[in-house]
C-alpha atoms as a PDB file:
ATOM      1  CA  MET A   1       2.071 -13.620 -35.844  1.00  0.00           C
ATOM      2  CA  ILE A   2       0.246 -11.336 -33.895  1.00  0.00           C
ATOM      3  CA  LYS A   3      -2.674 -13.128 -34.347  1.00  0.00           C
ATOM      4  CA  ASP A   4      -0.843 -16.488 -32.802  1.00  0.00           C
ATOM      5  CA  GLU A   5       0.066 -14.834 -30.264  1.00  0.00           C
ATOM      6  CA  ILE A   6      -3.214 -13.894 -28.953  1.00  0.00           C
ATOM      7  CA  LEU A   7      -4.792 -17.184 -29.688  1.00  0.00           C
ATOM      8  CA  THR A   8      -1.888 -18.906 -27.446  1.00  0.00           C
ATOM      9  CA  LYS A   9      -1.823 -16.264 -24.470  1.00  0.00           C
ATOM     10  CA  ARG A  10      -5.977 -16.688 -23.939  1.00  0.00           C
ATOM     11  CA  PRO A  11      -5.913 -20.760 -23.324  1.00  0.00           C
ATOM     12  CA  ILE A  12      -2.575 -20.153 -21.164  1.00  0.00           C
ATOM     13  CA  SER A  13      -4.643 -17.634 -19.042  1.00  0.00           C
ATOM     14  CA  ILE A  14      -7.400 -19.766 -19.364  1.00  0.00           C
ATOM     15  CA  LEU A  15      -5.775 -22.644 -17.826  1.00  0.00           C
ATOM     16  CA  GLU A  16      -3.843 -20.205 -15.080  1.00  0.00           C
ATOM     17  CA  LYS A  17      -7.313 -19.495 -14.009  1.00  0.00           C
ATOM     18  CA  ILE A  18      -8.280 -23.011 -13.608  1.00  0.00           C
ATOM     19  CA  GLU A  19      -5.363 -24.126 -11.832  1.00  0.00           C
ATOM     20  CA  GLU A  20      -5.876 -21.173  -8.956  1.00  0.00           C
ATOM     21  CA  ASN A  21      -9.379 -22.297  -8.771  1.00  0.00           C
ATOM     22  CA  LEU A  22      -8.052 -26.170  -8.568  1.00  0.00           C
ATOM     23  CA  GLU A  23      -5.668 -25.136  -5.565  1.00  0.00           C
ATOM     24  CA  LYS A  24      -8.692 -23.280  -3.685  1.00  0.00           C
ATOM     25  CA  LEU A  25     -10.411 -26.316  -4.183  1.00  0.00           C
ATOM     26  CA  ASN A  26      -7.519 -28.429  -2.451  1.00  0.00           C
ATOM     27  CA  GLU A  27      -7.261 -26.198   0.074  1.00  0.00           C
ATOM     28  CA  LYS A  28     -11.417 -26.381   0.891  1.00  0.00           C
ATOM     29  CA  MET A  29     -10.869 -30.144   0.610  1.00  0.00           C
ATOM     30  CA  GLU A  30      -7.922 -30.511   3.068  1.00  0.00           C
ATOM     31  CA  VAL A  31     -10.016 -28.988   5.567  1.00  0.00           C
ATOM     32  CA  MET A  32     -13.131 -30.723   4.808  1.00  0.00           C
ATOM     33  CA  ILE A  33     -10.639 -33.528   5.174  1.00  0.00           C
ATOM     34  CA  GLU A  34      -9.343 -32.693   8.655  1.00  0.00           C
ATOM     35  CA  ILE A  35     -12.546 -32.419   9.887  1.00  0.00           C
ATOM     36  CA  GLN A  36     -13.395 -35.735   8.757  1.00  0.00           C
ATOM     37  CA  LYS A  37     -10.614 -37.539  10.633  1.00  0.00           C
ATOM     38  CA  ASN A  38     -10.963 -35.576  13.839  1.00  0.00           C
ATOM     39  CA  GLY A  39     -14.731 -35.670  14.250  1.00  0.00           C
ATOM     40  CA  ASN A  40     -14.876 -39.220  14.755  1.00  0.00           C
ATOM     41  CA  GLY A  41     -13.699 -38.844  18.894  1.00  0.00           C
ATOM     42  CA  ASN A  42     -10.905 -36.731  18.279  1.00  0.00           C
ATOM     43  CA  GLN A  43     -12.053 -33.124  19.002  1.00  0.00           C
ATOM     44  CA  ARG A  44      -9.031 -31.625  20.467  1.00  0.00           C
ATOM     45  CA  SER A  45      -7.171 -31.560  17.328  1.00  0.00           C
ATOM     46  CA  VAL A  46      -9.460 -29.797  15.091  1.00  0.00           C
ATOM     47  CA  PRO A  47      -8.281 -26.634  14.141  1.00  0.00           C
ATOM     48  CA  THR A  48     -10.316 -24.020  15.621  1.00  0.00           C
ATOM     49  CA  LEU A  49      -9.805 -21.581  19.058  1.00  0.00           C
ATOM     50  CA  PRO A  50     -11.501 -23.235  22.339  1.00  0.00           C
ATOM     51  CA  ASP A  51     -14.451 -21.615  23.006  1.00  0.00           C
ATOM     52  CA  ALA A  52     -14.584 -19.319  19.952  1.00  0.00           C
ATOM     53  CA  PRO A  53     -17.495 -18.626  17.530  1.00  0.00           C
ATOM     54  CA  LEU A  54     -15.044 -19.121  14.819  1.00  0.00           C
ATOM     55  CA  ASP A  55     -15.590 -22.810  14.631  1.00  0.00           C
ATOM     56  CA  VAL A  56     -14.329 -24.815  11.460  1.00  0.00           C
ATOM     57  CA  MET A  57     -18.556 -24.927  10.185  1.00  0.00           C
ATOM     58  CA  THR A  58     -18.250 -21.213  10.386  1.00  0.00           C
ATOM     59  CA  LEU A  59     -15.252 -20.582   8.655  1.00  0.00           C
ATOM     60  CA  LEU A  60     -15.974 -22.860   6.073  1.00  0.00           C
ATOM     61  CA  SER A  61     -19.117 -20.751   5.668  1.00  0.00           C
ATOM     62  CA  MET A  62     -17.427 -17.609   5.258  1.00  0.00           C
ATOM     63  CA  PRO A  63     -16.367 -16.029   1.858  1.00  0.00           C
ATOM     64  CA  ASP A  64     -12.723 -17.197   0.969  1.00  0.00           C
ATOM     65  CA  HIS A  65     -11.418 -13.655   1.647  1.00  0.00           C
ATOM     66  CA  LEU A  66     -12.749 -13.091   5.072  1.00  0.00           C
ATOM     67  CA  ARG A  67     -12.296 -16.753   5.783  1.00  0.00           C
ATOM     68  CA  LYS A  68      -8.537 -16.019   5.168  1.00  0.00           C
ATOM     69  CA  THR A  69      -8.394 -12.498   7.418  1.00  0.00           C
ATOM     70  CA  ALA A  70     -10.473 -14.701  10.340  1.00  0.00           C
ATOM     71  CA  MET A  71      -8.051 -17.404  10.262  1.00  0.00           C
ATOM     72  CA  ALA A  72      -5.073 -14.970  10.371  1.00  0.00           C
ATOM     73  CA  ILE A  73      -6.583 -13.724  13.409  1.00  0.00           C
ATOM     74  CA  CYS A  74      -6.902 -16.759  15.154  1.00  0.00           C
ATOM     75  CA  ARG A  75      -3.461 -17.323  14.928  1.00  0.00           C
ATOM     76  CA  CYS A  76      -2.444 -14.153  16.261  1.00  0.00           C
ATOM     77  CA  GLY A  77      -5.437 -13.637  19.058  1.00  0.00           C
ATOM     78  CA  ARG A  78      -5.251  -9.725  19.036  1.00  0.00           C
ATOM     79  CA  ALA A  79      -3.611  -7.957  16.154  1.00  0.00           C
ATOM     80  CA  THR A  80      -3.594  -4.675  13.841  1.00  0.00           C
ATOM     81  CA  ALA A  81      -4.929  -4.865  10.491  1.00  0.00           C
ATOM     82  CA  GLN A  82      -0.991  -4.248   9.317  1.00  0.00           C
ATOM     83  CA  GLU A  83      -0.296  -7.248  10.995  1.00  0.00           C
ATOM     84  CA  ILE A  84      -2.824  -8.903   9.563  1.00  0.00           C
ATOM     85  CA  ALA A  85      -2.034  -7.870   6.782  1.00  0.00           C
ATOM     86  CA  GLU A  86       1.523  -8.884   6.889  1.00  0.00           C
ATOM     87  CA  GLN A  87       0.296 -12.700   7.604  1.00  0.00           C
ATOM     88  CA  THR A  88      -2.161 -12.360   4.392  1.00  0.00           C
ATOM     89  CA  ARG A  89       0.315 -10.604   1.824  1.00  0.00           C
ATOM     90  CA  ARG A  90      -2.673  -8.423   1.323  1.00  0.00           C
ATOM     91  CA  ALA A  91      -2.923  -4.735   1.621  1.00  0.00           C
ATOM     92  CA  ARG A  92      -3.972  -3.007   4.885  1.00  0.00           C
ATOM     93  CA  ALA A  93      -6.750  -1.222   3.719  1.00  0.00           C
ATOM     94  CA  VAL A  94      -8.348  -4.554   2.652  1.00  0.00           C
ATOM     95  CA  GLU A  95      -7.673  -6.700   5.753  1.00  0.00           C
ATOM     96  CA  SER A  96      -8.995  -3.065   7.497  1.00  0.00           C
ATOM     97  CA  ALA A  97     -11.825  -3.647   5.298  1.00  0.00           C
ATOM     98  CA  TYR A  98     -12.378  -7.286   6.088  1.00  0.00           C
ATOM     99  CA  LEU A  99     -11.838  -7.126  10.048  1.00  0.00           C
ATOM    100  CA  ASN A 100     -14.479  -4.482  10.543  1.00  0.00           C
ATOM    101  CA  GLN A 101     -16.842  -6.789   8.435  1.00  0.00           C
ATOM    102  CA  LEU A 102     -16.148  -9.416  10.941  1.00  0.00           C
ATOM    103  CA  VAL A 103     -16.871  -6.795  13.779  1.00  0.00           C
ATOM    104  CA  ILE A 104     -20.171  -6.309  12.149  1.00  0.00           C
ATOM    105  CA  MET A 105     -20.867 -10.091  11.984  1.00  0.00           C
ATOM    106  CA  GLY A 106     -20.446 -10.496  15.517  1.00  0.00           C
ATOM    107  CA  TYR A 107     -17.317 -12.560  14.921  1.00  0.00           C
ATOM    108  CA  LEU A 108     -14.655 -10.035  16.558  1.00  0.00           C
ATOM    109  CA  LYS A 109     -14.241  -6.896  18.998  1.00  0.00           C
ATOM    110  CA  LYS A 110     -12.455  -4.163  18.343  1.00  0.00           C
ATOM    111  CA  GLU A 111     -10.472  -1.572  20.411  1.00  0.00           C
ATOM    112  CA  ARG A 112      -8.841   1.494  19.973  1.00  0.00           C
ATOM    113  CA  LYS A 113      -5.697   2.540  21.964  1.00  0.00           C
ATOM    114  CA  GLY A 114      -4.295   5.695  20.756  1.00  0.00           C
ATOM    115  CA  ARG A 115      -4.453   5.620  16.739  1.00  0.00           C
ATOM    116  CA  LYS A 116      -4.171   1.946  16.522  1.00  0.00           C
ATOM    117  CA  ALA A 117      -7.355  -0.179  16.578  1.00  0.00           C
ATOM    118  CA  TYR A 118      -6.968  -4.225  17.256  1.00  0.00           C
ATOM    119  CA  PHE A 119      -8.644  -6.973  16.042  1.00  0.00           C
ATOM    120  CA  TYR A 120      -9.829  -9.837  18.469  1.00  0.00           C
ATOM    121  CA  VAL A 121     -12.071 -12.410  19.273  1.00  0.00           C
ATOM    122  CA  ASP A 122     -14.012 -12.106  22.663  1.00  0.00           C
ATOM    123  CA  ARG A 123     -14.218 -15.159  24.360  1.00  0.00           C
ATOM    124  CA  GLU A 124     -16.026 -13.339  27.775  1.00  0.00           C
ATOM    125  CA  THR A 125     -19.429 -13.105  25.818  1.00  0.00           C
ATOM    126  CA  GLN A 126     -19.368 -16.063  24.114  1.00  0.00           C
ATOM    127  CA  GLY A 127     -22.354 -18.543  25.328  1.00  0.00           C
END
């Protein structure tokens, strides 16, 4: 009986992982299709901030965990790690680490006000 349970649980967990990976691939394909549709003349509807260093191609080149954080900060404009964590449904400490990584990579700026750190895309220093 126990052996049967082990044999049935393993394939189920494998199928769940496959489903998770397929969902990630579908999300990426949707972004690529959107880029392709909008690349033929209509650049305004491409999902990116105007004059932002976080354009679609940059976002696509990022690892999934950083892309999710970067897209959340693009939607917010300026936010704390806690605000981003609420959007991404990840722990604040995780988002803080990812946001600081994006600062080190040069995509975001960080400003402290009291005990809070605010992250944002710096549009003034873009070329």
